[in-house]
Amino acid sequence: MSEESGSEQGLSGYPEYAERVFEVAELIPPGRVMTYGDVAEWLEEGGPRQVGRVMALYGDAVPWWRVVRADGVLLPGHELRALDHYRAEGTPLREASRASAGHLPRLDMRRARWDGGVPGGGDVATRDAAGSGGAARPQAPGAHT
C-alpha cells in the first residue's frame, strides 16, 4: 500500500463502489479512524467485508490506515507502517500489554473513532469539497450532535 492519497493518483478506473469507499476514507481527518462497518453504514451499501475487500485490493489509493478493524487491532502485515502513520498523526493508541502478541499497541477506538462530522465544525451535509457533488450523506454511526 502506498502512502499517496487517491486525489494525487486519480481515482478513475476503479469500480464504482471502491470509489465511493475512497471518498469516505479521504474525509477521515488525520488522527482519526472509521471502521469498515462505519464506512459501509455511511455509504448505506455493502457491509464491513465489502469495504475490507475494497481496502485490501485498492487501499493504496487512499489513507488506508484510517479505515480499521472495530477491535482496534492494527492491520496484520502492515502494523509497523500503520503505527508510523498513527504516531505521526497523533492518533490515540492504547499501549500493548506484555502478554499481547508482538507488544504492539491498539487503536484507542473510543477516542480515535471519527463520527463523520466535518473538521472545524458543521456536519456532513455541509461538506462539498470531497467531490460528493453536493449530495448530503447521513452522519456516520455514533455521531454526536
Protein backbone atom coordinates (compact mmCIF):
# COMPACT_ATOMS: atom_id res chain seq x y z
CA MET A 1 0.00 0.00 0.00
CA SER A 2 1.39 3.35 -0.94
CA GLU A 3 1.15 6.43 1.19
CA GLU A 4 -0.17 8.63 -1.58
CA SER A 5 -3.79 9.65 -1.46
CA GLY A 6 -6.18 8.86 -4.26
CA SER A 7 -6.57 12.53 -5.06
CA GLU A 8 -2.89 12.60 -6.05
CA GLN A 9 -3.09 9.42 -8.13
CA GLY A 10 -6.55 9.95 -9.59
CA LEU A 11 -9.33 7.51 -8.73
CA SER A 12 -10.66 6.80 -12.21
CA GLY A 13 -10.56 3.22 -13.31
CA TYR A 14 -11.70 1.69 -10.02
CA PRO A 15 -15.11 0.05 -9.54
CA GLU A 16 -17.84 2.50 -8.53
CA TYR A 17 -18.22 1.03 -5.03
CA ALA A 18 -14.47 1.30 -4.49
CA GLU A 19 -14.52 4.95 -5.50
CA ARG A 20 -17.32 5.59 -3.00
CA VAL A 21 -15.31 3.87 -0.26
CA PHE A 22 -12.30 6.03 -1.22
CA GLU A 23 -14.39 9.22 -0.92
CA VAL A 24 -15.26 8.32 2.66
CA ALA A 25 -11.69 7.29 3.52
CA GLU A 26 -10.40 10.62 2.27
CA LEU A 27 -12.84 12.50 4.52
CA ILE A 28 -11.41 10.96 7.68
CA PRO A 29 -9.22 13.59 9.34
CA PRO A 30 -5.63 12.83 10.31
CA GLY A 31 -5.50 11.26 13.75
CA ARG A 32 -8.97 9.73 13.43
CA VAL A 33 -10.31 6.41 12.10
CA MET A 34 -13.52 4.75 10.91
CA THR A 35 -14.22 1.04 10.98
CA TYR A 36 -15.03 -1.00 7.90
CA GLY A 37 -18.60 -1.21 9.20
CA ASP A 38 -18.78 2.57 9.75
CA VAL A 39 -17.82 3.16 6.12
CA ALA A 40 -20.42 0.68 4.87
CA GLU A 41 -23.10 2.28 7.06
CA TRP A 42 -22.09 5.75 5.84
CA LEU A 43 -22.48 4.57 2.25
CA GLU A 44 -25.74 2.78 3.07
CA GLU A 45 -24.46 -0.07 0.91
CA GLY A 46 -22.47 -3.23 1.45
CA GLY A 47 -21.01 -4.25 4.76
CA PRO A 48 -17.71 -4.47 6.60
CA ARG A 49 -16.48 -7.35 4.46
CA GLN A 50 -17.13 -5.48 1.22
CA VAL A 51 -15.32 -2.39 2.50
CA GLY A 52 -12.47 -4.58 3.76
CA ARG A 53 -12.20 -6.23 0.35
CA VAL A 54 -12.02 -2.85 -1.40
CA MET A 55 -9.32 -1.72 1.01
CA ALA A 56 -7.37 -4.96 0.57
CA LEU A 57 -7.45 -4.72 -3.22
CA TYR A 58 -7.19 -0.98 -3.82
CA GLY A 59 -6.50 0.67 -0.46
CA ASP A 60 -3.19 2.15 -1.55
CA ALA A 61 -5.19 4.82 -3.40
CA VAL A 62 -6.22 6.47 -0.11
CA PRO A 63 -5.08 6.87 3.52
CA TRP A 64 -5.71 3.16 4.20
CA TRP A 65 -4.52 3.32 7.81
CA ARG A 66 -7.62 5.36 8.72
CA VAL A 67 -10.07 2.54 7.83
CA VAL A 68 -9.69 -0.11 10.50
CA ARG A 69 -11.00 -3.15 12.31
CA ALA A 70 -13.58 -2.43 15.02
CA ASP A 71 -11.43 -4.02 17.72
CA GLY A 72 -8.57 -1.56 17.16
CA VAL A 73 -6.05 -4.24 16.20
CA LEU A 74 -3.54 -2.94 13.67
CA LEU A 75 -3.81 -4.30 10.13
CA PRO A 76 -1.92 -7.62 10.04
CA GLY A 77 1.12 -7.43 7.83
CA HIS A 78 1.09 -3.62 7.86
CA GLU A 79 1.32 -2.98 11.61
CA LEU A 80 4.58 -1.04 11.62
CA ARG A 81 3.69 1.13 8.63
CA ALA A 82 0.30 1.90 10.12
CA LEU A 83 1.85 2.61 13.51
CA ASP A 84 4.20 5.14 11.91
CA HIS A 85 1.18 6.95 10.43
CA TYR A 86 -0.76 6.84 13.71
CA ARG A 87 2.14 8.26 15.67
CA ALA A 88 2.81 10.97 13.07
CA GLU A 89 -0.88 11.98 13.05
CA GLY A 90 -1.35 11.75 16.83
CA THR A 91 -3.98 9.01 16.57
CA PRO A 92 -4.95 7.83 20.08
CA LEU A 93 -3.38 4.47 20.89
CA ARG A 94 -3.65 2.05 23.78
CA GLU A 95 -0.28 0.71 24.81
CA ALA A 96 0.14 -3.02 24.50
CA SER A 97 0.26 -5.27 27.49
CA ARG A 98 3.25 -7.54 27.91
CA ALA A 99 1.00 -10.51 27.15
CA SER A 100 -0.08 -9.17 23.75
CA ALA A 101 1.45 -10.69 20.66
CA GLY A 102 4.35 -8.58 19.43
CA HIS A 103 3.69 -5.98 22.14
CA LEU A 104 2.07 -3.71 19.56
CA PRO A 105 -0.39 -1.06 20.69
CA ARG A 106 -4.02 -1.00 19.54
CA LEU A 107 -6.03 1.95 18.45
CA ASP A 108 -7.97 3.58 21.27
CA MET A 109 -11.29 3.28 19.45
CA ARG A 110 -13.24 5.36 21.96
CA ARG A 111 -11.01 8.34 21.29
CA ALA A 112 -9.85 7.71 17.70
CA ARG A 113 -13.17 6.81 16.06
CA TRP A 114 -14.45 9.60 13.84
CA ASP A 115 -18.16 10.38 13.98
CA GLY A 116 -18.37 11.78 10.46
CA GLY A 117 -18.51 15.45 11.40
CA VAL A 118 -16.63 17.95 9.27
CA PRO A 119 -13.33 19.01 10.87
CA GLY A 120 -13.65 22.54 12.20
CA GLY A 121 -17.40 22.35 12.72
CA GLY A 122 -20.50 21.79 10.68
CA ASP A 123 -21.97 18.46 9.70
CA VAL A 124 -21.69 16.13 6.78
CA ALA A 125 -24.45 17.91 4.86
CA THR A 126 -22.25 20.99 4.59
CA ARG A 127 -19.21 19.26 3.13
CA ASP A 128 -18.91 19.54 -0.60
CA ALA A 129 -15.18 19.72 -1.13
CA ALA A 130 -14.83 15.92 -1.07
CA GLY A 131 -16.34 15.59 -4.50
CA SER A 132 -19.75 14.40 -3.41
CA GLY A 133 -21.45 16.68 -5.87
CA GLY A 134 -23.26 18.36 -3.01
CA ALA A 135 -25.24 15.28 -2.07
CA ALA A 136 -25.63 15.06 1.68
CA ARG A 137 -24.83 11.78 3.38
CA PRO A 138 -26.02 10.71 6.80
CA GLN A 139 -23.66 11.07 9.71
CA ALA A 140 -21.52 8.08 10.47
CA PRO A 141 -22.53 5.71 13.25
CA GLY A 142 -22.01 7.01 16.74
CA ALA A 143 -22.26 10.61 15.58
CA HIS A 144 -22.84 13.00 18.44
CA THR A 145 -24.75 16.13 17.66
